[in-house]
Amino acid sequence: MIIKECAFCSKETLWGDPSEGVCNLSYDGTKFYECESVPISKCPYKLFILGKIDKEELNNRIKERVRK
């Protein structure tokens, strides 16, 4: 599942390398993961789109991930 309107999905990595929709929230210290490969349970935007969390929870989860 790819979320095209996600603010963290990019066609290039933070280093400027081209990508097929890399998720700038899903970083493990060595690489960024493609949006499609990130499980729904790990992606706040996917959970929000599916109605599993509300907007407040979405913002809280994003803040938590950005701080890491």
PDB file of N, CA and C in Angstrom:
ATOM      1  N   MET A   1       0.839  -1.178   0.000  1.00  0.00           N
ATOM      2  CA  MET A   1       0.000   0.000   0.000  1.00  0.00           C
ATOM      3  C   MET A   1       0.883   1.241   0.000  1.00  0.00           C
ATOM      4  N   ILE A   2       0.702   2.104  -0.986  1.00  0.00           N
ATOM      5  CA  ILE A   2       1.454   3.354  -1.074  1.00  0.00           C
ATOM      6  C   ILE A   2       0.508   4.515  -0.825  1.00  0.00           C
ATOM      7  N   ILE A   3       0.922   5.422   0.044  1.00  0.00           N
ATOM      8  CA  ILE A   3       0.145   6.625   0.336  1.00  0.00           C
ATOM      9  C   ILE A   3       0.823   7.789  -0.391  1.00  0.00           C
ATOM     10  N   LYS A   4       0.278   8.194  -1.522  1.00  0.00           N
ATOM     11  CA  LYS A   4       0.901   9.244  -2.335  1.00  0.00           C
ATOM     12  C   LYS A   4       0.828  10.616  -1.688  1.00  0.00           C
ATOM     13  N   GLU A   5      -0.214  10.873  -0.883  1.00  0.00           N
ATOM     14  CA  GLU A   5      -0.351  12.183  -0.264  1.00  0.00           C
ATOM     15  C   GLU A   5       0.382  12.298   1.076  1.00  0.00           C
ATOM     16  N   CYS A   6       1.144  11.294   1.431  1.00  0.00           N
ATOM     17  CA  CYS A   6       1.919  11.302   2.668  1.00  0.00           C
ATOM     18  C   CYS A   6       3.038  12.342   2.577  1.00  0.00           C
ATOM     19  N   ALA A   7       3.157  13.137   3.620  1.00  0.00           N
ATOM     20  CA  ALA A   7       4.183  14.182   3.651  1.00  0.00           C
ATOM     21  C   ALA A   7       5.591  13.614   3.745  1.00  0.00           C
ATOM     22  N   PHE A   8       5.725  12.366   4.148  1.00  0.00           N
ATOM     23  CA  PHE A   8       7.041  11.767   4.325  1.00  0.00           C
ATOM     24  C   PHE A   8       7.432  10.807   3.212  1.00  0.00           C
ATOM     25  N   CYS A   9       6.575  10.622   2.220  1.00  0.00           N
ATOM     26  CA  CYS A   9       6.887   9.769   1.075  1.00  0.00           C
ATOM     27  C   CYS A   9       7.519  10.632  -0.007  1.00  0.00           C
ATOM     28  N   SER A  10       8.684  10.244  -0.455  1.00  0.00           N
ATOM     29  CA  SER A  10       9.434  11.074  -1.389  1.00  0.00           C
ATOM     30  C   SER A  10       9.948  10.258  -2.565  1.00  0.00           C
ATOM     31  N   LYS A  11      10.131  10.916  -3.693  1.00  0.00           N
ATOM     32  CA  LYS A  11      10.714  10.280  -4.873  1.00  0.00           C
ATOM     33  C   LYS A  11      12.235  10.327  -4.833  1.00  0.00           C
ATOM     34  N   GLU A  12      12.778  10.945  -3.796  1.00  0.00           N
ATOM     35  CA  GLU A  12      14.218  10.876  -3.568  1.00  0.00           C
ATOM     36  C   GLU A  12      14.482  10.795  -2.075  1.00  0.00           C
ATOM     37  N   THR A  13      15.593  10.192  -1.728  1.00  0.00           N
ATOM     38  CA  THR A  13      15.957  10.068  -0.326  1.00  0.00           C
ATOM     39  C   THR A  13      16.409  11.426   0.189  1.00  0.00           C
ATOM     40  N   LEU A  14      16.632  11.516   1.489  1.00  0.00           N
ATOM     41  CA  LEU A  14      17.114  12.775   2.068  1.00  0.00           C
ATOM     42  C   LEU A  14      18.495  13.156   1.534  1.00  0.00           C
ATOM     43  N   TRP A  15      19.217  12.187   0.962  1.00  0.00           N
ATOM     44  CA  TRP A  15      20.539  12.449   0.386  1.00  0.00           C
ATOM     45  C   TRP A  15      20.467  12.770  -1.098  1.00  0.00           C
ATOM     46  N   GLY A  16      19.255  12.808  -1.659  1.00  0.00           N
ATOM     47  CA  GLY A  16      19.085  13.167  -3.060  1.00  0.00           C
ATOM     48  C   GLY A  16      19.127  12.011  -4.040  1.00  0.00           C
ATOM     49  N   ASP A  17      19.218  10.789  -3.553  1.00  0.00           N
ATOM     50  CA  ASP A  17      19.211   9.622  -4.434  1.00  0.00           C
ATOM     51  C   ASP A  17      17.794   9.349  -4.920  1.00  0.00           C
ATOM     52  N   PRO A  18      17.607   8.986  -6.194  1.00  0.00           N
ATOM     53  CA  PRO A  18      16.248   8.697  -6.695  1.00  0.00           C
ATOM     54  C   PRO A  18      15.655   7.471  -6.017  1.00  0.00           C
ATOM     55  N   SER A  19      14.323   7.478  -5.892  1.00  0.00           N
ATOM     56  CA  SER A  19      13.643   6.386  -5.206  1.00  0.00           C
ATOM     57  C   SER A  19      12.262   6.161  -5.807  1.00  0.00           C
ATOM     58  N   GLU A  20      11.703   5.013  -5.550  1.00  0.00           N
ATOM     59  CA  GLU A  20      10.350   4.667  -6.001  1.00  0.00           C
ATOM     60  C   GLU A  20       9.322   4.945  -4.904  1.00  0.00           C
ATOM     61  N   GLY A  21       9.479   5.979  -4.139  1.00  0.00           N
ATOM     62  CA  GLY A  21       8.544   6.292  -3.060  1.00  0.00           C
ATOM     63  C   GLY A  21       9.093   5.850  -1.714  1.00  0.00           C
ATOM     64  N   VAL A  22      10.202   6.416  -1.322  1.00  0.00           N
ATOM     65  CA  VAL A  22      10.838   6.069  -0.062  1.00  0.00           C
ATOM     66  C   VAL A  22      10.126   6.791   1.086  1.00  0.00           C
ATOM     67  N   CYS A  23      10.012   6.109   2.211  1.00  0.00           N
ATOM     68  CA  CYS A  23       9.374   6.680   3.397  1.00  0.00           C
ATOM     69  C   CYS A  23      10.453   7.274   4.289  1.00  0.00           C
ATOM     70  N   ASN A  24      10.419   8.579   4.464  1.00  0.00           N
ATOM     71  CA  ASN A  24      11.416   9.243   5.292  1.00  0.00           C
ATOM     72  C   ASN A  24      11.123   9.108   6.785  1.00  0.00           C
ATOM     73  N   LEU A  25      10.024   8.464   7.150  1.00  0.00           N
ATOM     74  CA  LEU A  25       9.746   8.138   8.551  1.00  0.00           C
ATOM     75  C   LEU A  25      10.326   6.786   8.932  1.00  0.00           C
ATOM     76  N   SER A  26      10.482   5.902   7.975  1.00  0.00           N
ATOM     77  CA  SER A  26      10.959   4.542   8.234  1.00  0.00           C
ATOM     78  C   SER A  26      12.445   4.442   7.962  1.00  0.00           C
ATOM     79  N   TYR A  27      13.227   4.746   8.966  1.00  0.00           N
ATOM     80  CA  TYR A  27      14.679   4.744   8.866  1.00  0.00           C
ATOM     81  C   TYR A  27      15.223   3.924  10.023  1.00  0.00           C
ATOM     82  N   ASP A  28      16.094   2.990   9.733  1.00  0.00           N
ATOM     83  CA  ASP A  28      16.621   2.122  10.791  1.00  0.00           C
ATOM     84  C   ASP A  28      18.056   2.458  11.188  1.00  0.00           C
ATOM     85  N   GLY A  29      18.539   3.605  10.778  1.00  0.00           N
ATOM     86  CA  GLY A  29      19.900   3.995  11.109  1.00  0.00           C
ATOM     87  C   GLY A  29      20.867   3.788   9.959  1.00  0.00           C
ATOM     88  N   THR A  30      20.494   2.943   8.999  1.00  0.00           N
ATOM     89  CA  THR A  30      21.363   2.697   7.852  1.00  0.00           C
ATOM     90  C   THR A  30      20.675   2.936   6.519  1.00  0.00           C
ATOM     91  N   LYS A  31      19.346   2.756   6.470  1.00  0.00           N
ATOM     92  CA  LYS A  31      18.648   2.941   5.200  1.00  0.00           C
ATOM     93  C   LYS A  31      17.197   3.330   5.421  1.00  0.00           C
ATOM     94  N   PHE A  32      16.598   3.905   4.378  1.00  0.00           N
ATOM     95  CA  PHE A  32      15.183   4.240   4.357  1.00  0.00           C
ATOM     96  C   PHE A  32      14.452   3.127   3.624  1.00  0.00           C
ATOM     97  N   TYR A  33      13.222   2.853   4.027  1.00  0.00           N
ATOM     98  CA  TYR A  33      12.447   1.788   3.411  1.00  0.00           C
ATOM     99  C   TYR A  33      11.452   2.352   2.405  1.00  0.00           C
ATOM    100  N   GLU A  34      11.156   1.554   1.373  1.00  0.00           N
ATOM    101  CA  GLU A  34      10.149   1.938   0.395  1.00  0.00           C
ATOM    102  C   GLU A  34       8.791   1.955   1.088  1.00  0.00           C
ATOM    103  N   CYS A  35       7.947   2.907   0.719  1.00  0.00           N
ATOM    104  CA  CYS A  35       6.611   3.037   1.314  1.00  0.00           C
ATOM    105  C   CYS A  35       5.852   1.717   1.229  1.00  0.00           C
ATOM    106  N   GLU A  36       5.924   1.076   0.103  1.00  0.00           N
ATOM    107  CA  GLU A  36       5.178  -0.161  -0.112  1.00  0.00           C
ATOM    108  C   GLU A  36       5.608  -1.285   0.836  1.00  0.00           C
ATOM    109  N   SER A  37       6.858  -1.273   1.277  1.00  0.00           N
ATOM    110  CA  SER A  37       7.355  -2.352   2.129  1.00  0.00           C
ATOM    111  C   SER A  37       7.108  -2.115   3.620  1.00  0.00           C
ATOM    112  N   VAL A  38       6.662  -0.923   3.993  1.00  0.00           N
ATOM    113  CA  VAL A  38       6.394  -0.627   5.399  1.00  0.00           C
ATOM    114  C   VAL A  38       5.032  -1.219   5.765  1.00  0.00           C
ATOM    115  N   PRO A  39       4.972  -2.073   6.791  1.00  0.00           N
ATOM    116  CA  PRO A  39       3.699  -2.680   7.181  1.00  0.00           C
ATOM    117  C   PRO A  39       2.692  -1.623   7.657  1.00  0.00           C
ATOM    118  N   ILE A  40       1.435  -1.890   7.456  1.00  0.00           N
ATOM    119  CA  ILE A  40       0.381  -0.963   7.865  1.00  0.00           C
ATOM    120  C   ILE A  40       0.495  -0.658   9.360  1.00  0.00           C
ATOM    121  N   SER A  41       0.780  -1.659  10.157  1.00  0.00           N
ATOM    122  CA  SER A  41       0.859  -1.475  11.610  1.00  0.00           C
ATOM    123  C   SER A  41       1.994  -0.553  12.044  1.00  0.00           C
ATOM    124  N   LYS A  42       2.992  -0.338  11.185  1.00  0.00           N
ATOM    125  CA  LYS A  42       4.141   0.505  11.510  1.00  0.00           C
ATOM    126  C   LYS A  42       4.031   1.912  10.922  1.00  0.00           C
ATOM    127  N   CYS A  43       3.032   2.162  10.080  1.00  0.00           N
ATOM    128  CA  CYS A  43       2.909   3.440   9.380  1.00  0.00           C
ATOM    129  C   CYS A  43       1.710   4.232   9.891  1.00  0.00           C
ATOM    130  N   PRO A  44       1.954   5.381  10.535  1.00  0.00           N
ATOM    131  CA  PRO A  44       0.834   6.160  11.046  1.00  0.00           C
ATOM    132  C   PRO A  44      -0.109   6.655   9.947  1.00  0.00           C
ATOM    133  N   TYR A  45       0.407   7.008   8.780  1.00  0.00           N
ATOM    134  CA  TYR A  45      -0.444   7.481   7.685  1.00  0.00           C
ATOM    135  C   TYR A  45      -1.357   6.376   7.165  1.00  0.00           C
ATOM    136  N   LYS A  46      -0.841   5.175   7.038  1.00  0.00           N
ATOM    137  CA  LYS A  46      -1.665   4.061   6.567  1.00  0.00           C
ATOM    138  C   LYS A  46      -2.770   3.755   7.574  1.00  0.00           C
ATOM    139  N   LEU A  47      -2.430   3.787   8.861  1.00  0.00           N
ATOM    140  CA  LEU A  47      -3.433   3.557   9.901  1.00  0.00           C
ATOM    141  C   LEU A  47      -4.510   4.639   9.866  1.00  0.00           C
ATOM    142  N   PHE A  48      -4.103   5.889   9.640  1.00  0.00           N
ATOM    143  CA  PHE A  48      -5.052   6.992   9.576  1.00  0.00           C
ATOM    144  C   PHE A  48      -5.982   6.858   8.371  1.00  0.00           C
ATOM    145  N   ILE A  49      -5.421   6.542   7.207  1.00  0.00           N
ATOM    146  CA  ILE A  49      -6.220   6.387   5.989  1.00  0.00           C
ATOM    147  C   ILE A  49      -7.257   5.275   6.161  1.00  0.00           C
ATOM    148  N   LEU A  50      -6.881   4.212   6.855  1.00  0.00           N
ATOM    149  CA  LEU A  50      -7.796   3.089   7.070  1.00  0.00           C
ATOM    150  C   LEU A  50      -8.781   3.334   8.218  1.00  0.00           C
ATOM    151  N   GLY A  51      -8.649   4.470   8.913  1.00  0.00           N
ATOM    152  CA  GLY A  51      -9.567   4.807   9.996  1.00  0.00           C
ATOM    153  C   GLY A  51      -9.256   4.132  11.323  1.00  0.00           C
ATOM    154  N   LYS A  52      -8.054   3.591  11.464  1.00  0.00           N
ATOM    155  CA  LYS A  52      -7.673   2.888  12.698  1.00  0.00           C
ATOM    156  C   LYS A  52      -7.260   3.854  13.808  1.00  0.00           C
ATOM    157  N   ILE A  53      -6.778   5.051  13.439  1.00  0.00           N
ATOM    158  CA  ILE A  53      -6.404   6.080  14.406  1.00  0.00           C
ATOM    159  C   ILE A  53      -6.986   7.413  13.944  1.00  0.00           C
ATOM    160  N   ASP A  54      -7.145   8.349  14.900  1.00  0.00           N
ATOM    161  CA  ASP A  54      -7.659   9.672  14.537  1.00  0.00           C
ATOM    162  C   ASP A  54      -6.494  10.636  14.268  1.00  0.00           C
ATOM    163  N   LYS A  55      -6.845  11.867  13.902  1.00  0.00           N
ATOM    164  CA  LYS A  55      -5.823  12.848  13.514  1.00  0.00           C
ATOM    165  C   LYS A  55      -4.867  13.175  14.665  1.00  0.00           C
ATOM    166  N   GLU A  56      -5.382  13.242  15.872  1.00  0.00           N
ATOM    167  CA  GLU A  56      -4.541  13.528  17.035  1.00  0.00           C
ATOM    168  C   GLU A  56      -3.514  12.413  17.248  1.00  0.00           C
ATOM    169  N   GLU A  57      -3.974  11.174  17.159  1.00  0.00           N
ATOM    170  CA  GLU A  57      -3.061  10.029  17.314  1.00  0.00           C
ATOM    171  C   GLU A  57      -2.040  10.003  16.179  1.00  0.00           C
ATOM    172  N   LEU A  58      -2.463  10.347  14.960  1.00  0.00           N
ATOM    173  CA  LEU A  58      -1.549  10.435  13.824  1.00  0.00           C
ATOM    174  C   LEU A  58      -0.422  11.409  14.140  1.00  0.00           C
ATOM    175  N   ASN A  59      -0.779  12.591  14.601  1.00  0.00           N
ATOM    176  CA  ASN A  59       0.233  13.602  14.925  1.00  0.00           C
ATOM    177  C   ASN A  59       1.153  13.146  16.052  1.00  0.00           C
ATOM    178  N   ASN A  60       0.594  12.495  17.063  1.00  0.00           N
ATOM    179  CA  ASN A  60       1.415  11.997  18.174  1.00  0.00           C
ATOM    180  C   ASN A  60       2.419  10.949  17.705  1.00  0.00           C
ATOM    181  N   ARG A  61       1.975  10.028  16.863  1.00  0.00           N
ATOM    182  CA  ARG A  61       2.874   8.975  16.368  1.00  0.00           C
ATOM    183  C   ARG A  61       3.969   9.539  15.473  1.00  0.00           C
ATOM    184  N   ILE A  62       3.632  10.549  14.668  1.00  0.00           N
ATOM    185  CA  ILE A  62       4.647  11.169  13.815  1.00  0.00           C
ATOM    186  C   ILE A  62       5.678  11.890  14.675  1.00  0.00           C
ATOM    187  N   LYS A  63       5.230  12.642  15.670  1.00  0.00           N
ATOM    188  CA  LYS A  63       6.159  13.348  16.561  1.00  0.00           C
ATOM    189  C   LYS A  63       7.098  12.358  17.244  1.00  0.00           C
ATOM    190  N   GLU A  64       6.553  11.238  17.687  1.00  0.00           N
ATOM    191  CA  GLU A  64       7.345  10.208  18.361  1.00  0.00           C
ATOM    192  C   GLU A  64       8.425   9.651  17.423  1.00  0.00           C
ATOM    193  N   ARG A  65       8.077   9.395  16.171  1.00  0.00           N
ATOM    194  CA  ARG A  65       9.018   8.811  15.209  1.00  0.00           C
ATOM    195  C   ARG A  65      10.069   9.823  14.789  1.00  0.00           C
ATOM    196  N   VAL A  66       9.705  11.100  14.694  1.00  0.00           N
ATOM    197  CA  VAL A  66      10.653  12.127  14.267  1.00  0.00           C
ATOM    198  C   VAL A  66      11.687  12.373  15.344  1.00  0.00           C
ATOM    199  N   ARG A  67      11.297  12.239  16.615  1.00  0.00           N
ATOM    200  CA  ARG A  67      12.238  12.453  17.735  1.00  0.00           C
ATOM    201  C   ARG A  67      13.334  11.399  17.807  1.00  0.00           C
ATOM    202  N   LYS A  68      13.085  10.210  17.300  1.00  0.00           N
ATOM    203  CA  LYS A  68      14.064   9.108  17.419  1.00  0.00           C
ATOM    204  C   LYS A  68      15.308   9.361  16.646  1.00  0.00           C
TER     205      LYS A  68
END
